Amino acid sequence: MSTQEISKEDIENKFVELQTNLDNAAASAADLGKKAGIAALVLILILAFVLGRKRGAANKTVVEIRRL
């Protein structure tokens, strides 16, 4: 059995590699979260517009003016 020495540089290199992977994953998740948030906001605005038009058409008041 051979023993392998682990140096300080090996540990530092591994930590740098892990940090890089973590930063990439966080950036990817943040980008996906922003896209999902924007899509949800657009959907809510469209839904509010459509429901507002429907409610406005249902509550439309007709005023008839007659001259005497």
PDB file of N, CA and C in Angstrom:
ATOM      1  N   MET A   1       0.826  -1.167   0.000  1.00  0.00           N
ATOM      2  CA  MET A   1       0.000   0.000   0.000  1.00  0.00           C
ATOM      3  C   MET A   1       0.873   1.235   0.000  1.00  0.00           C
ATOM      4  N   SER A   2       0.562   2.119  -0.871  1.00  0.00           N
ATOM      5  CA  SER A   2       1.343   3.353  -0.907  1.00  0.00           C
ATOM      6  C   SER A   2       0.523   4.463  -0.256  1.00  0.00           C
ATOM      7  N   THR A   3       1.205   5.288   0.460  1.00  0.00           N
ATOM      8  CA  THR A   3       0.535   6.433   1.075  1.00  0.00           C
ATOM      9  C   THR A   3       0.794   7.653   0.223  1.00  0.00           C
ATOM     10  N   GLN A   4      -0.218   8.437   0.068  1.00  0.00           N
ATOM     11  CA  GLN A   4      -0.101   9.628  -0.757  1.00  0.00           C
ATOM     12  C   GLN A   4      -0.193  10.844   0.150  1.00  0.00           C
ATOM     13  N   GLU A   5       0.737  11.718  -0.010  1.00  0.00           N
ATOM     14  CA  GLU A   5       0.757  12.941   0.778  1.00  0.00           C
ATOM     15  C   GLU A   5      -0.231  13.944   0.182  1.00  0.00           C
ATOM     16  N   ILE A   6      -0.985  14.578   1.034  1.00  0.00           N
ATOM     17  CA  ILE A   6      -1.898  15.635   0.596  1.00  0.00           C
ATOM     18  C   ILE A   6      -1.285  16.952   1.053  1.00  0.00           C
ATOM     19  N   SER A   7      -1.020  17.788   0.077  1.00  0.00           N
ATOM     20  CA  SER A   7      -0.360  19.058   0.398  1.00  0.00           C
ATOM     21  C   SER A   7      -1.405  20.164   0.582  1.00  0.00           C
ATOM     22  N   LYS A   8      -0.933  21.245   1.108  1.00  0.00           N
ATOM     23  CA  LYS A   8      -1.779  22.416   1.310  1.00  0.00           C
ATOM     24  C   LYS A   8      -2.306  22.934  -0.026  1.00  0.00           C
ATOM     25  N   GLU A   9      -1.478  22.877  -1.058  1.00  0.00           N
ATOM     26  CA  GLU A   9      -1.886  23.344  -2.391  1.00  0.00           C
ATOM     27  C   GLU A   9      -3.006  22.474  -2.962  1.00  0.00           C
ATOM     28  N   ASP A  10      -2.940  21.155  -2.694  1.00  0.00           N
ATOM     29  CA  ASP A  10      -3.999  20.262  -3.167  1.00  0.00           C
ATOM     30  C   ASP A  10      -5.350  20.647  -2.554  1.00  0.00           C
ATOM     31  N   ILE A  11      -5.337  20.909  -1.269  1.00  0.00           N
ATOM     32  CA  ILE A  11      -6.567  21.291  -0.585  1.00  0.00           C
ATOM     33  C   ILE A  11      -7.071  22.634  -1.092  1.00  0.00           C
ATOM     34  N   GLU A  12      -6.171  23.590  -1.255  1.00  0.00           N
ATOM     35  CA  GLU A  12      -6.572  24.907  -1.761  1.00  0.00           C
ATOM     36  C   GLU A  12      -7.130  24.810  -3.169  1.00  0.00           C
ATOM     37  N   ASN A  13      -6.516  24.009  -4.021  1.00  0.00           N
ATOM     38  CA  ASN A  13      -6.997  23.839  -5.396  1.00  0.00           C
ATOM     39  C   ASN A  13      -8.394  23.214  -5.414  1.00  0.00           C
ATOM     40  N   LYS A  14      -8.613  22.254  -4.535  1.00  0.00           N
ATOM     41  CA  LYS A  14      -9.924  21.607  -4.471  1.00  0.00           C
ATOM     42  C   LYS A  14     -10.997  22.590  -3.985  1.00  0.00           C
ATOM     43  N   PHE A  15     -10.649  23.410  -2.996  1.00  0.00           N
ATOM     44  CA  PHE A  15     -11.597  24.418  -2.515  1.00  0.00           C
ATOM     45  C   PHE A  15     -11.907  25.450  -3.601  1.00  0.00           C
ATOM     46  N   VAL A  16     -10.921  25.850  -4.373  1.00  0.00           N
ATOM     47  CA  VAL A  16     -11.155  26.795  -5.467  1.00  0.00           C
ATOM     48  C   VAL A  16     -12.079  26.170  -6.507  1.00  0.00           C
ATOM     49  N   GLU A  17     -11.849  24.891  -6.812  1.00  0.00           N
ATOM     50  CA  GLU A  17     -12.692  24.191  -7.784  1.00  0.00           C
ATOM     51  C   GLU A  17     -14.139  24.102  -7.285  1.00  0.00           C
ATOM     52  N   LEU A  18     -14.315  23.754  -6.015  1.00  0.00           N
ATOM     53  CA  LEU A  18     -15.656  23.672  -5.445  1.00  0.00           C
ATOM     54  C   LEU A  18     -16.347  25.040  -5.428  1.00  0.00           C
ATOM     55  N   GLN A  19     -15.598  26.077  -5.089  1.00  0.00           N
ATOM     56  CA  GLN A  19     -16.175  27.426  -5.058  1.00  0.00           C
ATOM     57  C   GLN A  19     -16.608  27.872  -6.451  1.00  0.00           C
ATOM     58  N   THR A  20     -15.807  27.546  -7.454  1.00  0.00           N
ATOM     59  CA  THR A  20     -16.149  27.895  -8.832  1.00  0.00           C
ATOM     60  C   THR A  20     -17.436  27.190  -9.259  1.00  0.00           C
ATOM     61  N   ASN A  21     -17.528  25.899  -8.932  1.00  0.00           N
ATOM     62  CA  ASN A  21     -18.748  25.148  -9.276  1.00  0.00           C
ATOM     63  C   ASN A  21     -19.958  25.713  -8.554  1.00  0.00           C
ATOM     64  N   LEU A  22     -19.787  26.078  -7.301  1.00  0.00           N
ATOM     65  CA  LEU A  22     -20.884  26.648  -6.521  1.00  0.00           C
ATOM     66  C   LEU A  22     -21.322  27.995  -7.091  1.00  0.00           C
ATOM     67  N   ASP A  23     -20.374  28.834  -7.471  1.00  0.00           N
ATOM     68  CA  ASP A  23     -20.704  30.140  -8.053  1.00  0.00           C
ATOM     69  C   ASP A  23     -21.460  29.972  -9.366  1.00  0.00           C
ATOM     70  N   ASN A  24     -21.033  29.018 -10.182  1.00  0.00           N
ATOM     71  CA  ASN A  24     -21.716  28.782 -11.462  1.00  0.00           C
ATOM     72  C   ASN A  24     -23.147  28.299 -11.234  1.00  0.00           C
ATOM     73  N   ALA A  25     -23.323  27.400 -10.275  1.00  0.00           N
ATOM     74  CA  ALA A  25     -24.665  26.884  -9.987  1.00  0.00           C
ATOM     75  C   ALA A  25     -25.563  27.990  -9.444  1.00  0.00           C
ATOM     76  N   ALA A  26     -25.017  28.845  -8.593  1.00  0.00           N
ATOM     77  CA  ALA A  26     -25.816  29.941  -8.024  1.00  0.00           C
ATOM     78  C   ALA A  26     -26.224  30.933  -9.103  1.00  0.00           C
ATOM     79  N   ALA A  27     -25.307  31.239 -10.010  1.00  0.00           N
ATOM     80  CA  ALA A  27     -25.618  32.174 -11.096  1.00  0.00           C
ATOM     81  C   ALA A  27     -26.693  31.598 -12.010  1.00  0.00           C
ATOM     82  N   SER A  28     -26.604  30.325 -12.277  1.00  0.00           N
ATOM     83  CA  SER A  28     -27.592  29.672 -13.133  1.00  0.00           C
ATOM     84  C   SER A  28     -28.973  29.676 -12.467  1.00  0.00           C
ATOM     85  N   ALA A  29     -29.016  29.377 -11.188  1.00  0.00           N
ATOM     86  CA  ALA A  29     -30.291  29.357 -10.466  1.00  0.00           C
ATOM     87  C   ALA A  29     -30.885  30.755 -10.376  1.00  0.00           C
ATOM     88  N   ALA A  30     -30.050  31.763 -10.166  1.00  0.00           N
ATOM     89  CA  ALA A  30     -30.545  33.137 -10.079  1.00  0.00           C
ATOM     90  C   ALA A  30     -31.124  33.576 -11.421  1.00  0.00           C
ATOM     91  N   ASP A  31     -30.464  33.201 -12.500  1.00  0.00           N
ATOM     92  CA  ASP A  31     -30.948  33.554 -13.835  1.00  0.00           C
ATOM     93  C   ASP A  31     -32.294  32.896 -14.104  1.00  0.00           C
ATOM     94  N   LEU A  32     -32.425  31.639 -13.733  1.00  0.00           N
ATOM     95  CA  LEU A  32     -33.680  30.927 -13.925  1.00  0.00           C
ATOM     96  C   LEU A  32     -34.777  31.548 -13.064  1.00  0.00           C
ATOM     97  N   GLY A  33     -34.432  31.942 -11.840  1.00  0.00           N
ATOM     98  CA  GLY A  33     -35.405  32.574 -10.948  1.00  0.00           C
ATOM     99  C   GLY A  33     -35.900  33.899 -11.497  1.00  0.00           C
ATOM    100  N   LYS A  34     -35.010  34.683 -12.082  1.00  0.00           N
ATOM    101  CA  LYS A  34     -35.411  35.957 -12.678  1.00  0.00           C
ATOM    102  C   LYS A  34     -36.361  35.737 -13.848  1.00  0.00           C
ATOM    103  N   LYS A  35     -36.037  34.760 -14.690  1.00  0.00           N
ATOM    104  CA  LYS A  35     -36.904  34.477 -15.842  1.00  0.00           C
ATOM    105  C   LYS A  35     -38.282  34.010 -15.393  1.00  0.00           C
ATOM    106  N   ALA A  36     -38.330  33.164 -14.373  1.00  0.00           N
ATOM    107  CA  ALA A  36     -39.613  32.670 -13.864  1.00  0.00           C
ATOM    108  C   ALA A  36     -40.414  33.811 -13.238  1.00  0.00           C
ATOM    109  N   GLY A  37     -39.745  34.715 -12.535  1.00  0.00           N
ATOM    110  CA  GLY A  37     -40.422  35.855 -11.934  1.00  0.00           C
ATOM    111  C   GLY A  37     -41.012  36.790 -12.971  1.00  0.00           C
ATOM    112  N   ILE A  38     -40.263  37.042 -14.025  1.00  0.00           N
ATOM    113  CA  ILE A  38     -40.752  37.907 -15.102  1.00  0.00           C
ATOM    114  C   ILE A  38     -41.949  37.264 -15.795  1.00  0.00           C
ATOM    115  N   ALA A  39     -41.866  35.959 -16.054  1.00  0.00           N
ATOM    116  CA  ALA A  39     -42.972  35.256 -16.705  1.00  0.00           C
ATOM    117  C   ALA A  39     -44.228  35.302 -15.832  1.00  0.00           C
ATOM    118  N   ALA A  40     -44.066  35.123 -14.532  1.00  0.00           N
ATOM    119  CA  ALA A  40     -45.216  35.172 -13.625  1.00  0.00           C
ATOM    120  C   ALA A  40     -45.827  36.567 -13.599  1.00  0.00           C
ATOM    121  N   LEU A  41     -44.994  37.597 -13.598  1.00  0.00           N
ATOM    122  CA  LEU A  41     -45.492  38.969 -13.598  1.00  0.00           C
ATOM    123  C   LEU A  41     -46.278  39.274 -14.867  1.00  0.00           C
ATOM    124  N   VAL A  42     -45.777  38.852 -16.006  1.00  0.00           N
ATOM    125  CA  VAL A  42     -46.475  39.076 -17.275  1.00  0.00           C
ATOM    126  C   VAL A  42     -47.816  38.345 -17.269  1.00  0.00           C
ATOM    127  N   LEU A  43     -47.824  37.118 -16.753  1.00  0.00           N
ATOM    128  CA  LEU A  43     -49.065  36.346 -16.693  1.00  0.00           C
ATOM    129  C   LEU A  43     -50.090  37.026 -15.792  1.00  0.00           C
ATOM    130  N   ILE A  44     -49.649  37.545 -14.660  1.00  0.00           N
ATOM    131  CA  ILE A  44     -50.565  38.248 -13.743  1.00  0.00           C
ATOM    132  C   ILE A  44     -51.114  39.511 -14.398  1.00  0.00           C
ATOM    133  N   LEU A  45     -50.282  40.248 -15.093  1.00  0.00           N
ATOM    134  CA  LEU A  45     -50.754  41.467 -15.769  1.00  0.00           C
ATOM    135  C   LEU A  45     -51.777  41.154 -16.857  1.00  0.00           C
ATOM    136  N   ILE A  46     -51.516  40.118 -17.625  1.00  0.00           N
ATOM    137  CA  ILE A  46     -52.462  39.736 -18.684  1.00  0.00           C
ATOM    138  C   ILE A  46     -53.786  39.286 -18.065  1.00  0.00           C
ATOM    139  N   LEU A  47     -53.703  38.491 -17.007  1.00  0.00           N
ATOM    140  CA  LEU A  47     -54.915  38.024 -16.339  1.00  0.00           C
ATOM    141  C   LEU A  47     -55.714  39.195 -15.764  1.00  0.00           C
ATOM    142  N   ALA A  48     -55.040  40.151 -15.140  1.00  0.00           N
ATOM    143  CA  ALA A  48     -55.730  41.324 -14.593  1.00  0.00           C
ATOM    144  C   ALA A  48     -56.383  42.142 -15.703  1.00  0.00           C
ATOM    145  N   PHE A  49     -55.710  42.280 -16.833  1.00  0.00           N
ATOM    146  CA  PHE A  49     -56.263  43.019 -17.961  1.00  0.00           C
ATOM    147  C   PHE A  49     -57.532  42.351 -18.491  1.00  0.00           C
ATOM    148  N   VAL A  50     -57.466  41.029 -18.686  1.00  0.00           N
ATOM    149  CA  VAL A  50     -58.610  40.303 -19.236  1.00  0.00           C
ATOM    150  C   VAL A  50     -59.792  40.336 -18.261  1.00  0.00           C
ATOM    151  N   LEU A  51     -59.527  40.103 -16.984  1.00  0.00           N
ATOM    152  CA  LEU A  51     -60.618  40.144 -16.011  1.00  0.00           C
ATOM    153  C   LEU A  51     -61.187  41.552 -15.858  1.00  0.00           C
ATOM    154  N   GLY A  52     -60.351  42.561 -15.963  1.00  0.00           N
ATOM    155  CA  GLY A  52     -60.822  43.938 -15.879  1.00  0.00           C
ATOM    156  C   GLY A  52     -61.716  44.308 -17.049  1.00  0.00           C
ATOM    157  N   ARG A  53     -61.339  43.844 -18.224  1.00  0.00           N
ATOM    158  CA  ARG A  53     -62.188  44.119 -19.393  1.00  0.00           C
ATOM    159  C   ARG A  53     -63.535  43.424 -19.263  1.00  0.00           C
ATOM    160  N   LYS A  54     -63.512  42.196 -18.773  1.00  0.00           N
ATOM    161  CA  LYS A  54     -64.757  41.450 -18.625  1.00  0.00           C
ATOM    162  C   LYS A  54     -65.662  42.121 -17.592  1.00  0.00           C
ATOM    163  N   ARG A  55     -65.083  42.536 -16.488  1.00  0.00           N
ATOM    164  CA  ARG A  55     -65.870  43.190 -15.443  1.00  0.00           C
ATOM    165  C   ARG A  55     -66.382  44.544 -15.931  1.00  0.00           C
ATOM    166  N   GLY A  56     -65.568  45.262 -16.666  1.00  0.00           N
ATOM    167  CA  GLY A  56     -65.978  46.561 -17.187  1.00  0.00           C
ATOM    168  C   GLY A  56     -67.124  46.441 -18.179  1.00  0.00           C
ATOM    169  N   ALA A  57     -67.098  45.394 -18.998  1.00  0.00           N
ATOM    170  CA  ALA A  57     -68.173  45.194 -19.969  1.00  0.00           C
ATOM    171  C   ALA A  57     -69.462  44.781 -19.264  1.00  0.00           C
ATOM    172  N   ALA A  58     -69.349  44.026 -18.203  1.00  0.00           N
ATOM    173  CA  ALA A  58     -70.540  43.562 -17.485  1.00  0.00           C
ATOM    174  C   ALA A  58     -71.188  44.698 -16.699  1.00  0.00           C
ATOM    175  N   ASN A  59     -70.414  45.632 -16.199  1.00  0.00           N
ATOM    176  CA  ASN A  59     -70.949  46.722 -15.389  1.00  0.00           C
ATOM    177  C   ASN A  59     -71.132  48.012 -16.183  1.00  0.00           C
ATOM    178  N   LYS A  60     -71.200  47.906 -17.471  1.00  0.00           N
ATOM    179  CA  LYS A  60     -71.330  49.080 -18.322  1.00  0.00           C
ATOM    180  C   LYS A  60     -72.700  49.716 -18.121  1.00  0.00           C
ATOM    181  N   THR A  61     -72.697  50.996 -17.903  1.00  0.00           N
ATOM    182  CA  THR A  61     -73.939  51.725 -17.699  1.00  0.00           C
ATOM    183  C   THR A  61     -74.288  52.479 -18.976  1.00  0.00           C
ATOM    184  N   VAL A  62     -75.539  52.376 -19.377  1.00  0.00           N
ATOM    185  CA  VAL A  62     -76.019  53.082 -20.568  1.00  0.00           C
ATOM    186  C   VAL A  62     -76.878  54.238 -20.071  1.00  0.00           C
ATOM    187  N   VAL A  63     -76.537  55.436 -20.471  1.00  0.00           N
ATOM    188  CA  VAL A  63     -77.297  56.620 -20.063  1.00  0.00           C
ATOM    189  C   VAL A  63     -78.020  57.145 -21.292  1.00  0.00           C
ATOM    190  N   GLU A  64     -79.333  57.300 -21.172  1.00  0.00           N
ATOM    191  CA  GLU A  64     -80.128  57.799 -22.280  1.00  0.00           C
ATOM    192  C   GLU A  64     -80.544  59.222 -21.940  1.00  0.00           C
ATOM    193  N   ILE A  65     -80.274  60.120 -22.845  1.00  0.00           N
ATOM    194  CA  ILE A  65     -80.619  61.527 -22.617  1.00  0.00           C
ATOM    195  C   ILE A  65     -81.741  61.891 -23.565  1.00  0.00           C
ATOM    196  N   ARG A  66     -82.829  62.464 -23.004  1.00  0.00           N
ATOM    197  CA  ARG A  66     -83.981  62.882 -23.811  1.00  0.00           C
ATOM    198  C   ARG A  66     -84.144  64.388 -23.697  1.00  0.00           C
ATOM    199  N   ARG A  67     -84.479  64.979 -24.787  1.00  0.00           N
ATOM    200  CA  ARG A  67     -84.793  66.408 -24.789  1.00  0.00           C
ATOM    201  C   ARG A  67     -86.278  66.593 -24.597  1.00  0.00           C
ATOM    202  N   LEU A  68     -86.653  67.512 -23.785  1.00  0.00           N
ATOM    203  CA  LEU A  68     -88.086  67.783 -23.570  1.00  0.00           C
ATOM    204  C   LEU A  68     -88.581  68.917 -24.415  1.00  0.00           C
TER     205      LEU A  68
END
